[in-house]
């Protein structure tokens, strides 16, 4: 593999990766990709992933799944995931801001409103 790659779920369910979060890919072999999850390698079927060569630089807008734990309900029906640290944040109650600062890593990134992540 030349250079780094990043991956996120491209289908709903099927493994323990967080929806909308990007993970560094350490290896792709056949139908399996190995991603770095909290500094631990985790094998994931590669057909479940969107793999890119360019590091993500935008917040991912995610619809909260119906099966989400109660704690996730505080995020609202849709939330955003930081491209840098994977922190989940609620969307502002009003409007559609172009950028948002992450309370965890302090990075400020554009919001990918037009992406349609996991849209049915």
PDB file of N, CA and C in Angstrom:
ATOM      1  N   UNK A   1       0.852  -1.171   0.000  1.00  0.00           N
ATOM      2  CA  UNK A   1       0.000   0.000   0.000  1.00  0.00           C
ATOM      3  C   UNK A   1       0.895   1.232   0.000  1.00  0.00           C
ATOM      4  N   UNK A   2       0.665   2.142  -0.907  1.00  0.00           N
ATOM      5  CA  UNK A   2       1.479   3.348  -0.957  1.00  0.00           C
ATOM      6  C   UNK A   2       0.735   4.484  -0.270  1.00  0.00           C
ATOM      7  N   UNK A   3       1.358   5.120   0.712  1.00  0.00           N
ATOM      8  CA  UNK A   3       0.730   6.208   1.446  1.00  0.00           C
ATOM      9  C   UNK A   3      -0.350   5.717   2.389  1.00  0.00           C
ATOM     10  N   UNK A   4      -0.929   6.666   3.095  1.00  0.00           N
ATOM     11  CA  UNK A   4      -2.003   6.337   4.018  1.00  0.00           C
ATOM     12  C   UNK A   4      -3.338   6.346   3.302  1.00  0.00           C
ATOM     13  N   UNK A   5      -4.280   5.623   3.858  1.00  0.00           N
ATOM     14  CA  UNK A   5      -5.664   5.634   3.393  1.00  0.00           C
ATOM     15  C   UNK A   5      -6.560   5.775   4.609  1.00  0.00           C
ATOM     16  N   UNK A   6      -7.782   6.241   4.363  1.00  0.00           N
ATOM     17  CA  UNK A   6      -8.766   6.390   5.429  1.00  0.00           C
ATOM     18  C   UNK A   6     -10.043   5.710   4.990  1.00  0.00           C
ATOM     19  N   UNK A   7     -10.816   5.231   5.976  1.00  0.00           N
ATOM     20  CA  UNK A   7     -12.055   4.522   5.651  1.00  0.00           C
ATOM     21  C   UNK A   7     -13.144   4.874   6.652  1.00  0.00           C
ATOM     22  N   UNK A   8     -14.385   4.776   6.181  1.00  0.00           N
ATOM     23  CA  UNK A   8     -15.548   4.891   7.053  1.00  0.00           C
ATOM     24  C   UNK A   8     -16.614   3.950   6.511  1.00  0.00           C
ATOM     25  N   UNK A   9     -17.596   3.667   7.346  1.00  0.00           N
ATOM     26  CA  UNK A   9     -18.675   2.792   6.916  1.00  0.00           C
ATOM     27  C   UNK A   9     -19.404   3.399   5.729  1.00  0.00           C
ATOM     28  N   UNK A  10     -19.736   2.565   4.750  1.00  0.00           N
ATOM     29  CA  UNK A  10     -20.525   3.036   3.621  1.00  0.00           C
ATOM     30  C   UNK A  10     -21.903   2.380   3.614  1.00  0.00           C
ATOM     31  N   UNK A  11     -22.134   1.482   4.554  1.00  0.00           N
ATOM     32  CA  UNK A  11     -23.451   0.865   4.742  1.00  0.00           C
ATOM     33  C   UNK A  11     -23.772   0.904   6.224  1.00  0.00           C
ATOM     34  N   UNK A  12     -25.039   0.849   6.546  1.00  0.00           N
ATOM     35  CA  UNK A  12     -25.459   0.912   7.941  1.00  0.00           C
ATOM     36  C   UNK A  12     -25.380  -0.464   8.582  1.00  0.00           C
ATOM     37  N   UNK A  13     -24.688  -0.554   9.699  1.00  0.00           N
ATOM     38  CA  UNK A  13     -24.594  -1.818  10.437  1.00  0.00           C
ATOM     39  C   UNK A  13     -23.527  -2.739   9.905  1.00  0.00           C
ATOM     40  N   UNK A  14     -23.405  -3.882  10.528  1.00  0.00           N
ATOM     41  CA  UNK A  14     -22.483  -4.896  10.047  1.00  0.00           C
ATOM     42  C   UNK A  14     -21.152  -4.968  10.780  1.00  0.00           C
ATOM     43  N   UNK A  15     -20.800  -3.927  11.548  1.00  0.00           N
ATOM     44  CA  UNK A  15     -19.564  -3.979  12.336  1.00  0.00           C
ATOM     45  C   UNK A  15     -19.621  -2.916  13.430  1.00  0.00           C
ATOM     46  N   UNK A  16     -18.585  -2.858  14.239  1.00  0.00           N
ATOM     47  CA  UNK A  16     -18.613  -1.982  15.413  1.00  0.00           C
ATOM     48  C   UNK A  16     -18.014  -0.590  15.179  1.00  0.00           C
ATOM     49  N   UNK A  17     -17.714  -0.220  13.941  1.00  0.00           N
ATOM     50  CA  UNK A  17     -17.201   1.115  13.687  1.00  0.00           C
ATOM     51  C   UNK A  17     -18.310   2.140  13.887  1.00  0.00           C
ATOM     52  N   UNK A  18     -17.925   3.347  14.327  1.00  0.00           N
ATOM     53  CA  UNK A  18     -18.895   4.413  14.528  1.00  0.00           C
ATOM     54  C   UNK A  18     -19.330   4.991  13.191  1.00  0.00           C
ATOM     55  N   UNK A  19     -20.612   5.275  13.072  1.00  0.00           N
ATOM     56  CA  UNK A  19     -21.153   5.877  11.850  1.00  0.00           C
ATOM     57  C   UNK A  19     -20.538   7.257  11.648  1.00  0.00           C
ATOM     58  N   UNK A  20     -20.057   7.516  10.434  1.00  0.00           N
ATOM     59  CA  UNK A  20     -19.522   8.823  10.078  1.00  0.00           C
ATOM     60  C   UNK A  20     -18.074   9.055  10.451  1.00  0.00           C
ATOM     61  N   UNK A  21     -17.499   8.200  11.273  1.00  0.00           N
ATOM     62  CA  UNK A  21     -16.114   8.392  11.714  1.00  0.00           C
ATOM     63  C   UNK A  21     -15.143   7.808  10.693  1.00  0.00           C
ATOM     64  N   UNK A  22     -14.035   8.519  10.489  1.00  0.00           N
ATOM     65  CA  UNK A  22     -12.974   8.073   9.589  1.00  0.00           C
ATOM     66  C   UNK A  22     -11.903   7.371  10.406  1.00  0.00           C
ATOM     67  N   UNK A  23     -11.371   6.275   9.870  1.00  0.00           N
ATOM     68  CA  UNK A  23     -10.323   5.494  10.527  1.00  0.00           C
ATOM     69  C   UNK A  23      -9.161   5.325   9.553  1.00  0.00           C
ATOM     70  N   UNK A  24      -7.946   5.319  10.107  1.00  0.00           N
ATOM     71  CA  UNK A  24      -6.771   5.095   9.256  1.00  0.00           C
ATOM     72  C   UNK A  24      -6.712   3.620   8.878  1.00  0.00           C
ATOM     73  N   UNK A  25      -6.513   3.357   7.598  1.00  0.00           N
ATOM     74  CA  UNK A  25      -6.405   1.989   7.088  1.00  0.00           C
ATOM     75  C   UNK A  25      -4.943   1.581   7.166  1.00  0.00           C
ATOM     76  N   UNK A  26      -4.678   0.456   7.806  1.00  0.00           N
ATOM     77  CA  UNK A  26      -3.293  -0.015   7.890  1.00  0.00           C
ATOM     78  C   UNK A  26      -2.979  -1.078   6.837  1.00  0.00           C
ATOM     79  N   UNK A  27      -4.050  -1.746   6.341  1.00  0.00           N
ATOM     80  CA  UNK A  27      -3.813  -2.784   5.332  1.00  0.00           C
ATOM     81  C   UNK A  27      -5.130  -3.142   4.654  1.00  0.00           C
ATOM     82  N   UNK A  28      -5.051  -3.420   3.368  1.00  0.00           N
ATOM     83  CA  UNK A  28      -6.184  -3.962   2.622  1.00  0.00           C
ATOM     84  C   UNK A  28      -5.682  -5.210   1.923  1.00  0.00           C
ATOM     85  N   UNK A  29      -6.347  -6.325   2.176  1.00  0.00           N
ATOM     86  CA  UNK A  29      -5.949  -7.588   1.558  1.00  0.00           C
ATOM     87  C   UNK A  29      -7.207  -8.360   1.197  1.00  0.00           C
ATOM     88  N   UNK A  30      -7.430  -8.514  -0.075  1.00  0.00           N
ATOM     89  CA  UNK A  30      -8.606  -9.251  -0.524  1.00  0.00           C
ATOM     90  C   UNK A  30      -9.889  -8.569  -0.086  1.00  0.00           C
ATOM     91  N   UNK A  31     -10.724  -9.299   0.610  1.00  0.00           N
ATOM     92  CA  UNK A  31     -12.022  -8.782   1.052  1.00  0.00           C
ATOM     93  C   UNK A  31     -11.974  -8.193   2.449  1.00  0.00           C
ATOM     94  N   UNK A  32     -10.770  -7.982   2.984  1.00  0.00           N
ATOM     95  CA  UNK A  32     -10.640  -7.496   4.354  1.00  0.00           C
ATOM     96  C   UNK A  32      -9.752  -6.257   4.411  1.00  0.00           C
ATOM     97  N   UNK A  33     -10.170  -5.312   5.226  1.00  0.00           N
ATOM     98  CA  UNK A  33      -9.345  -4.138   5.495  1.00  0.00           C
ATOM     99  C   UNK A  33      -9.080  -4.123   6.995  1.00  0.00           C
ATOM    100  N   UNK A  34      -7.898  -3.681   7.370  1.00  0.00           N
ATOM    101  CA  UNK A  34      -7.557  -3.529   8.776  1.00  0.00           C
ATOM    102  C   UNK A  34      -7.478  -2.037   9.054  1.00  0.00           C
ATOM    103  N   UNK A  35      -8.279  -1.588  10.014  1.00  0.00           N
ATOM    104  CA  UNK A  35      -8.316  -0.175  10.375  1.00  0.00           C
ATOM    105  C   UNK A  35      -7.851   0.000  11.808  1.00  0.00           C
ATOM    106  N   UNK A  36      -7.341   1.193  12.090  1.00  0.00           N
ATOM    107  CA  UNK A  36      -6.842   1.533  13.417  1.00  0.00           C
ATOM    108  C   UNK A  36      -7.995   2.120  14.234  1.00  0.00           C
ATOM    109  N   UNK A  37      -8.436   1.395  15.261  1.00  0.00           N
ATOM    110  CA  UNK A  37      -9.510   1.851  16.146  1.00  0.00           C
ATOM    111  C   UNK A  37      -8.913   2.000  17.542  1.00  0.00           C
ATOM    112  N   UNK A  38      -8.741   3.238  17.969  1.00  0.00           N
ATOM    113  CA  UNK A  38      -8.131   3.518  19.279  1.00  0.00           C
ATOM    114  C   UNK A  38      -6.794   2.800  19.446  1.00  0.00           C
ATOM    115  N   UNK A  39      -5.977   2.905  18.411  1.00  0.00           N
ATOM    116  CA  UNK A  39      -4.624   2.313  18.378  1.00  0.00           C
ATOM    117  C   UNK A  39      -4.625   0.780  18.407  1.00  0.00           C
ATOM    118  N   UNK A  40      -5.750   0.188  18.071  1.00  0.00           N
ATOM    119  CA  UNK A  40      -5.855  -1.265  17.990  1.00  0.00           C
ATOM    120  C   UNK A  40      -6.302  -1.642  16.582  1.00  0.00           C
ATOM    121  N   UNK A  41      -5.650  -2.651  15.962  1.00  0.00           N
ATOM    122  CA  UNK A  41      -6.080  -3.061  14.631  1.00  0.00           C
ATOM    123  C   UNK A  41      -7.411  -3.812  14.698  1.00  0.00           C
ATOM    124  N   UNK A  42      -8.303  -3.486  13.759  1.00  0.00           N
ATOM    125  CA  UNK A  42      -9.579  -4.184  13.689  1.00  0.00           C
ATOM    126  C   UNK A  42      -9.847  -4.551  12.238  1.00  0.00           C
ATOM    127  N   UNK A  43     -10.072  -5.842  12.007  1.00  0.00           N
ATOM    128  CA  UNK A  43     -10.370  -6.320  10.660  1.00  0.00           C
ATOM    129  C   UNK A  43     -11.844  -6.075  10.356  1.00  0.00           C
ATOM    130  N   UNK A  44     -12.099  -5.535   9.158  1.00  0.00           N
ATOM    131  CA  UNK A  44     -13.451  -5.214   8.726  1.00  0.00           C
ATOM    132  C   UNK A  44     -13.585  -5.660   7.275  1.00  0.00           C
ATOM    133  N   UNK A  45     -14.716  -6.263   6.913  1.00  0.00           N
ATOM    134  CA  UNK A  45     -14.901  -6.578   5.495  1.00  0.00           C
ATOM    135  C   UNK A  45     -14.813  -5.300   4.661  1.00  0.00           C
ATOM    136  N   UNK A  46     -13.964  -5.307   3.658  1.00  0.00           N
ATOM    137  CA  UNK A  46     -13.712  -4.084   2.889  1.00  0.00           C
ATOM    138  C   UNK A  46     -14.949  -3.609   2.123  1.00  0.00           C
ATOM    139  N   UNK A  47     -15.891  -4.494   1.817  1.00  0.00           N
ATOM    140  CA  UNK A  47     -17.084  -4.071   1.088  1.00  0.00           C
ATOM    141  C   UNK A  47     -18.007  -3.210   1.956  1.00  0.00           C
ATOM    142  N   UNK A  48     -17.780  -3.165   3.278  1.00  0.00           N
ATOM    143  CA  UNK A  48     -18.566  -2.302   4.163  1.00  0.00           C
ATOM    144  C   UNK A  48     -18.016  -0.881   4.214  1.00  0.00           C
ATOM    145  N   UNK A  49     -16.826  -0.664   3.627  1.00  0.00           N
ATOM    146  CA  UNK A  49     -16.108   0.591   3.804  1.00  0.00           C
ATOM    147  C   UNK A  49     -16.027   1.442   2.546  1.00  0.00           C
ATOM    148  N   UNK A  50     -15.973   2.738   2.764  1.00  0.00           N
ATOM    149  CA  UNK A  50     -15.572   3.700   1.740  1.00  0.00           C
ATOM    150  C   UNK A  50     -14.121   4.012   2.071  1.00  0.00           C
ATOM    151  N   UNK A  51     -13.203   3.753   1.156  1.00  0.00           N
ATOM    152  CA  UNK A  51     -11.774   3.967   1.395  1.00  0.00           C
ATOM    153  C   UNK A  51     -11.296   5.074   0.472  1.00  0.00           C
ATOM    154  N   UNK A  52     -10.605   6.064   1.053  1.00  0.00           N
ATOM    155  CA  UNK A  52     -10.112   7.207   0.282  1.00  0.00           C
ATOM    156  C   UNK A  52      -8.620   7.407   0.558  1.00  0.00           C
ATOM    157  N   UNK A  53      -7.937   8.057  -0.381  1.00  0.00           N
ATOM    158  CA  UNK A  53      -6.505   8.318  -0.239  1.00  0.00           C
ATOM    159  C   UNK A  53      -6.221   9.687   0.359  1.00  0.00           C
ATOM    160  N   UNK A  54      -7.203  10.581   0.315  1.00  0.00           N
ATOM    161  CA  UNK A  54      -7.032  11.930   0.841  1.00  0.00           C
ATOM    162  C   UNK A  54      -7.665  12.012   2.225  1.00  0.00           C
ATOM    163  N   UNK A  55      -6.970  12.578   3.188  1.00  0.00           N
ATOM    164  CA  UNK A  55      -7.566  12.661   4.520  1.00  0.00           C
ATOM    165  C   UNK A  55      -8.844  13.493   4.511  1.00  0.00           C
ATOM    166  N   UNK A  56      -9.866  13.044   5.203  1.00  0.00           N
ATOM    167  CA  UNK A  56     -11.116  13.797   5.249  1.00  0.00           C
ATOM    168  C   UNK A  56     -10.915  15.124   5.971  1.00  0.00           C
ATOM    169  N   UNK A  57     -11.575  16.182   5.495  1.00  0.00           N
ATOM    170  CA  UNK A  57     -11.425  17.505   6.103  1.00  0.00           C
ATOM    171  C   UNK A  57     -12.763  18.164   6.405  1.00  0.00           C
ATOM    172  N   UNK A  58     -13.860  17.420   6.352  1.00  0.00           N
ATOM    173  CA  UNK A  58     -15.181  17.986   6.620  1.00  0.00           C
ATOM    174  C   UNK A  58     -15.919  17.146   7.659  1.00  0.00           C
ATOM    175  N   UNK A  59     -16.756  17.834   8.432  1.00  0.00           N
ATOM    176  CA  UNK A  59     -17.650  17.141   9.352  1.00  0.00           C
ATOM    177  C   UNK A  59     -18.610  16.275   8.529  1.00  0.00           C
ATOM    178  N   UNK A  60     -18.898  15.075   8.989  1.00  0.00           N
ATOM    179  CA  UNK A  60     -19.893  14.226   8.361  1.00  0.00           C
ATOM    180  C   UNK A  60     -21.212  14.401   9.097  1.00  0.00           C
ATOM    181  N   UNK A  61     -22.289  14.665   8.358  1.00  0.00           N
ATOM    182  CA  UNK A  61     -23.621  14.777   8.946  1.00  0.00           C
ATOM    183  C   UNK A  61     -24.226  13.382   8.968  1.00  0.00           C
ATOM    184  N   UNK A  62     -24.636  12.928  10.161  1.00  0.00           N
ATOM    185  CA  UNK A  62     -25.133  11.570  10.347  1.00  0.00           C
ATOM    186  C   UNK A  62     -26.535  11.609  10.945  1.00  0.00           C
ATOM    187  N   UNK A  63     -27.436  10.826  10.386  1.00  0.00           N
ATOM    188  CA  UNK A  63     -28.757  10.656  10.995  1.00  0.00           C
ATOM    189  C   UNK A  63     -28.611   9.636  12.117  1.00  0.00           C
ATOM    190  N   UNK A  64     -29.110   9.988  13.305  1.00  0.00           N
ATOM    191  CA  UNK A  64     -29.005   9.071  14.449  1.00  0.00           C
ATOM    192  C   UNK A  64     -29.812   7.817  14.157  1.00  0.00           C
ATOM    193  N   UNK A  65     -29.198   6.643  14.308  1.00  0.00           N
ATOM    194  CA  UNK A  65     -29.935   5.405  14.042  1.00  0.00           C
ATOM    195  C   UNK A  65     -31.028   5.180  15.087  1.00  0.00           C
ATOM    196  N   UNK A  66     -32.080   4.501  14.688  1.00  0.00           N
ATOM    197  CA  UNK A  66     -33.172   4.206  15.621  1.00  0.00           C
ATOM    198  C   UNK A  66     -32.722   3.348  16.791  1.00  0.00           C
ATOM    199  N   UNK A  67     -31.685   2.559  16.575  1.00  0.00           N
ATOM    200  CA  UNK A  67     -31.202   1.654  17.624  1.00  0.00           C
ATOM    201  C   UNK A  67     -30.100   2.271  18.476  1.00  0.00           C
ATOM    202  N   UNK A  68     -29.923   3.582  18.382  1.00  0.00           N
ATOM    203  CA  UNK A  68     -28.852   4.256  19.129  1.00  0.00           C
ATOM    204  C   UNK A  68     -29.129   4.208  20.625  1.00  0.00           C
ATOM    205  N   UNK A  69     -28.058   4.156  21.438  1.00  0.00           N
ATOM    206  CA  UNK A  69     -28.237   4.189  22.888  1.00  0.00           C
ATOM    207  C   UNK A  69     -28.870   5.507  23.334  1.00  0.00           C
ATOM    208  N   UNK A  70     -29.454   5.502  24.495  1.00  0.00           N
ATOM    209  CA  UNK A  70     -30.118   6.701  25.015  1.00  0.00           C
ATOM    210  C   UNK A  70     -29.211   7.919  25.055  1.00  0.00           C
ATOM    211  N   UNK A  71     -27.954   7.727  25.388  1.00  0.00           N
ATOM    212  CA  UNK A  71     -27.016   8.856  25.471  1.00  0.00           C
ATOM    213  C   UNK A  71     -26.919   9.588  24.135  1.00  0.00           C
ATOM    214  N   UNK A  72     -27.061   8.871  23.039  1.00  0.00           N
ATOM    215  CA  UNK A  72     -26.969   9.488  21.715  1.00  0.00           C
ATOM    216  C   UNK A  72     -28.189  10.356  21.419  1.00  0.00           C
ATOM    217  N   UNK A  73     -29.286  10.142  22.131  1.00  0.00           N
ATOM    218  CA  UNK A  73     -30.492  10.939  21.896  1.00  0.00           C
ATOM    219  C   UNK A  73     -30.233  12.419  22.177  1.00  0.00           C
ATOM    220  N   UNK A  74     -29.310  12.724  23.080  1.00  0.00           N
ATOM    221  CA  UNK A  74     -28.982  14.122  23.397  1.00  0.00           C
ATOM    222  C   UNK A  74     -28.371  14.838  22.196  1.00  0.00           C
ATOM    223  N   UNK A  75     -27.867  14.092  21.234  1.00  0.00           N
ATOM    224  CA  UNK A  75     -27.271  14.699  20.041  1.00  0.00           C
ATOM    225  C   UNK A  75     -28.328  15.175  19.057  1.00  0.00           C
ATOM    226  N   UNK A  76     -29.551  14.720  19.209  1.00  0.00           N
ATOM    227  CA  UNK A  76     -30.617  15.101  18.297  1.00  0.00           C
ATOM    228  C   UNK A  76     -30.790  14.081  17.185  1.00  0.00           C
ATOM    229  N   UNK A  77     -31.734  14.334  16.278  1.00  0.00           N
ATOM    230  CA  UNK A  77     -31.999  13.371  15.209  1.00  0.00           C
ATOM    231  C   UNK A  77     -30.869  13.270  14.177  1.00  0.00           C
ATOM    232  N   UNK A  78     -30.091  14.349  14.054  1.00  0.00           N
ATOM    233  CA  UNK A  78     -28.888  14.345  13.212  1.00  0.00           C
ATOM    234  C   UNK A  78     -27.769  14.993  14.003  1.00  0.00           C
ATOM    235  N   UNK A  79     -26.560  14.504  13.797  1.00  0.00           N
ATOM    236  CA  UNK A  79     -25.391  15.057  14.464  1.00  0.00           C
ATOM    237  C   UNK A  79     -24.236  15.051  13.487  1.00  0.00           C
ATOM    238  N   UNK A  80     -23.097  15.623  13.891  1.00  0.00           N
ATOM    239  CA  UNK A  80     -21.922  15.648  13.030  1.00  0.00           C
ATOM    240  C   UNK A  80     -20.765  14.923  13.712  1.00  0.00           C
ATOM    241  N   UNK A  81     -19.869  14.378  12.884  1.00  0.00           N
ATOM    242  CA  UNK A  81     -18.699  13.655  13.374  1.00  0.00           C
ATOM    243  C   UNK A  81     -17.454  14.376  12.874  1.00  0.00           C
ATOM    244  N   UNK A  82     -16.554  14.706  13.798  1.00  0.00           N
ATOM    245  CA  UNK A  82     -15.330  15.440  13.470  1.00  0.00           C
ATOM    246  C   UNK A  82     -14.414  14.584  12.595  1.00  0.00           C
ATOM    247  N   UNK A  83     -13.881  15.153  11.523  1.00  0.00           N
ATOM    248  CA  UNK A  83     -12.985  14.384  10.654  1.00  0.00           C
ATOM    249  C   UNK A  83     -11.621  14.130  11.274  1.00  0.00           C
ATOM    250  N   UNK A  84     -11.281  14.871  12.304  1.00  0.00           N
ATOM    251  CA  UNK A  84      -9.962  14.739  12.909  1.00  0.00           C
ATOM    252  C   UNK A  84      -9.942  13.773  14.093  1.00  0.00           C
ATOM    253  N   UNK A  85     -10.868  13.946  15.031  1.00  0.00           N
ATOM    254  CA  UNK A  85     -10.804  13.156  16.278  1.00  0.00           C
ATOM    255  C   UNK A  85     -12.001  12.232  16.483  1.00  0.00           C
ATOM    256  N   UNK A  86     -12.982  12.237  15.575  1.00  0.00           N
ATOM    257  CA  UNK A  86     -14.171  11.375  15.625  1.00  0.00           C
ATOM    258  C   UNK A  86     -15.168  11.755  16.712  1.00  0.00           C
ATOM    259  N   UNK A  87     -15.013  12.916  17.312  1.00  0.00           N
ATOM    260  CA  UNK A  87     -15.962  13.388  18.319  1.00  0.00           C
ATOM    261  C   UNK A  87     -17.319  13.636  17.654  1.00  0.00           C
ATOM    262  N   UNK A  88     -18.386  13.235  18.330  1.00  0.00           N
ATOM    263  CA  UNK A  88     -19.736  13.510  17.841  1.00  0.00           C
ATOM    264  C   UNK A  88     -20.237  14.792  18.496  1.00  0.00           C
ATOM    265  N   UNK A  89     -20.874  15.651  17.719  1.00  0.00           N
ATOM    266  CA  UNK A  89     -21.396  16.922  18.220  1.00  0.00           C
ATOM    267  C   UNK A  89     -22.793  17.154  17.683  1.00  0.00           C
ATOM    268  N   UNK A  90     -23.640  17.798  18.484  1.00  0.00           N
ATOM    269  CA  UNK A  90     -24.977  18.123  17.975  1.00  0.00           C
ATOM    270  C   UNK A  90     -24.890  19.215  16.922  1.00  0.00           C
ATOM    271  N   UNK A  91     -25.832  19.213  16.031  1.00  0.00           N
ATOM    272  CA  UNK A  91     -25.928  20.295  15.052  1.00  0.00           C
ATOM    273  C   UNK A  91     -26.570  21.503  15.716  1.00  0.00           C
ATOM    274  N   UNK A  92     -26.232  22.696  15.265  1.00  0.00           N
ATOM    275  CA  UNK A  92     -26.893  23.883  15.814  1.00  0.00           C
ATOM    276  C   UNK A  92     -28.407  23.783  15.622  1.00  0.00           C
ATOM    277  N   UNK A  93     -29.157  24.302  16.586  1.00  0.00           N
ATOM    278  CA  UNK A  93     -30.617  24.216  16.549  1.00  0.00           C
ATOM    279  C   UNK A  93     -31.200  24.953  15.354  1.00  0.00           C
ATOM    280  N   UNK A  94     -30.545  26.020  14.917  1.00  0.00           N
ATOM    281  CA  UNK A  94     -31.076  26.823  13.822  1.00  0.00           C
ATOM    282  C   UNK A  94     -30.019  27.006  12.740  1.00  0.00           C
ATOM    283  N   UNK A  95     -30.479  27.034  11.520  1.00  0.00           N
ATOM    284  CA  UNK A  95     -29.597  27.338  10.404  1.00  0.00           C
ATOM    285  C   UNK A  95     -28.712  26.178   9.988  1.00  0.00           C
ATOM    286  N   UNK A  96     -27.872  26.467   9.012  1.00  0.00           N
ATOM    287  CA  UNK A  96     -26.912  25.496   8.484  1.00  0.00           C
ATOM    288  C   UNK A  96     -25.562  26.189   8.360  1.00  0.00           C
ATOM    289  N   UNK A  97     -24.810  26.251   9.449  1.00  0.00           N
ATOM    290  CA  UNK A  97     -23.512  26.935   9.376  1.00  0.00           C
ATOM    291  C   UNK A  97     -22.577  26.241   8.400  1.00  0.00           C
ATOM    292  N   UNK A  98     -21.676  27.014   7.822  1.00  0.00           N
ATOM    293  CA  UNK A  98     -20.708  26.466   6.871  1.00  0.00           C
ATOM    294  C   UNK A  98     -19.606  25.700   7.588  1.00  0.00           C
ATOM    295  N   UNK A  99     -19.189  26.204   8.760  1.00  0.00           N
ATOM    296  CA  UNK A  99     -18.114  25.563   9.516  1.00  0.00           C
ATOM    297  C   UNK A  99     -18.554  25.343  10.964  1.00  0.00           C
ATOM    298  N   UNK A 100     -17.807  24.492  11.651  1.00  0.00           N
ATOM    299  CA  UNK A 100     -18.052  24.213  13.058  1.00  0.00           C
ATOM    300  C   UNK A 100     -16.714  23.873  13.711  1.00  0.00           C
ATOM    301  N   UNK A 101     -16.500  24.381  14.923  1.00  0.00           N
ATOM    302  CA  UNK A 101     -15.283  24.072  15.679  1.00  0.00           C
ATOM    303  C   UNK A 101     -15.549  22.866  16.571  1.00  0.00           C
ATOM    304  N   UNK A 102     -14.581  21.980  16.668  1.00  0.00           N
ATOM    305  CA  UNK A 102     -14.697  20.784  17.501  1.00  0.00           C
ATOM    306  C   UNK A 102     -14.319  21.130  18.940  1.00  0.00           C
ATOM    307  N   UNK A 103     -15.161  20.742  19.876  1.00  0.00           N
ATOM    308  CA  UNK A 103     -14.880  21.026  21.282  1.00  0.00           C
ATOM    309  C   UNK A 103     -13.766  20.142  21.832  1.00  0.00           C
ATOM    310  N   UNK A 104     -13.466  19.037  21.167  1.00  0.00           N
ATOM    311  CA  UNK A 104     -12.428  18.124  21.656  1.00  0.00           C
ATOM    312  C   UNK A 104     -11.038  18.473  21.118  1.00  0.00           C
ATOM    313  N   UNK A 105     -10.892  18.530  19.794  1.00  0.00           N
ATOM    314  CA  UNK A 105      -9.565  18.762  19.198  1.00  0.00           C
ATOM    315  C   UNK A 105      -9.333  20.219  18.818  1.00  0.00           C
ATOM    316  N   UNK A 106     -10.373  21.040  18.908  1.00  0.00           N
ATOM    317  CA  UNK A 106     -10.317  22.477  18.620  1.00  0.00           C
ATOM    318  C   UNK A 106     -10.141  22.803  17.137  1.00  0.00           C
ATOM    319  N   UNK A 107     -10.205  21.794  16.277  1.00  0.00           N
ATOM    320  CA  UNK A 107     -10.123  22.055  14.846  1.00  0.00           C
ATOM    321  C   UNK A 107     -11.417  22.655  14.337  1.00  0.00           C
ATOM    322  N   UNK A 108     -11.328  23.490  13.312  1.00  0.00           N
ATOM    323  CA  UNK A 108     -12.517  24.049  12.689  1.00  0.00           C
ATOM    324  C   UNK A 108     -12.581  23.534  11.260  1.00  0.00           C
ATOM    325  N   UNK A 109     -13.716  22.928  10.924  1.00  0.00           N
ATOM    326  CA  UNK A 109     -13.866  22.275   9.633  1.00  0.00           C
ATOM    327  C   UNK A 109     -15.204  22.638   9.013  1.00  0.00           C
ATOM    328  N   UNK A 110     -15.264  22.563   7.683  1.00  0.00           N
ATOM    329  CA  UNK A 110     -16.530  22.753   6.980  1.00  0.00           C
ATOM    330  C   UNK A 110     -17.440  21.564   7.264  1.00  0.00           C
ATOM    331  N   UNK A 111     -18.734  21.783   7.126  1.00  0.00           N
ATOM    332  CA  UNK A 111     -19.714  20.722   7.311  1.00  0.00           C
ATOM    333  C   UNK A 111     -20.139  20.226   5.931  1.00  0.00           C
ATOM    334  N   UNK A 112     -20.100  18.933   5.714  1.00  0.00           N
ATOM    335  CA  UNK A 112     -20.426  18.342   4.407  1.00  0.00           C
ATOM    336  C   UNK A 112     -21.940  18.168   4.272  1.00  0.00           C
ATOM    337  N   UNK A 113     -22.651  19.286   4.185  1.00  0.00           N
ATOM    338  CA  UNK A 113     -24.114  19.258   4.088  1.00  0.00           C
ATOM    339  C   UNK A 113     -24.590  18.528   2.831  1.00  0.00           C
ATOM    340  N   UNK A 114     -23.833  18.619   1.757  1.00  0.00           N
ATOM    341  CA  UNK A 114     -24.260  18.046   0.471  1.00  0.00           C
ATOM    342  C   UNK A 114     -23.876  16.575   0.290  1.00  0.00           C
ATOM    343  N   UNK A 115     -23.266  15.975   1.270  1.00  0.00           N
ATOM    344  CA  UNK A 115     -22.709  14.635   1.101  1.00  0.00           C
ATOM    345  C   UNK A 115     -23.747  13.522   1.043  1.00  0.00           C
ATOM    346  N   UNK A 116     -24.819  13.586   1.802  1.00  0.00           N
ATOM    347  CA  UNK A 116     -25.819  12.506   1.798  1.00  0.00           C
ATOM    348  C   UNK A 116     -25.306  11.209   2.385  1.00  0.00           C
ATOM    349  N   UNK A 117     -24.532  11.304   3.464  1.00  0.00           N
ATOM    350  CA  UNK A 117     -23.929  10.100   4.064  1.00  0.00           C
ATOM    351  C   UNK A 117     -25.008   9.138   4.566  1.00  0.00           C
ATOM    352  N   UNK A 118     -24.951   7.905   4.118  1.00  0.00           N
ATOM    353  CA  UNK A 118     -25.883   6.830   4.466  1.00  0.00           C
ATOM    354  C   UNK A 118     -27.339   7.216   4.229  1.00  0.00           C
ATOM    355  N   UNK A 119     -27.579   8.077   3.244  1.00  0.00           N
ATOM    356  CA  UNK A 119     -28.957   8.440   2.900  1.00  0.00           C
ATOM    357  C   UNK A 119     -29.628   7.263   2.229  1.00  0.00           C
ATOM    358  N   UNK A 120     -30.864   7.038   2.607  1.00  0.00           N
ATOM    359  CA  UNK A 120     -31.568   5.896   2.011  1.00  0.00           C
ATOM    360  C   UNK A 120     -32.284   6.283   0.742  1.00  0.00           C
TER     361      UNK A 120
END
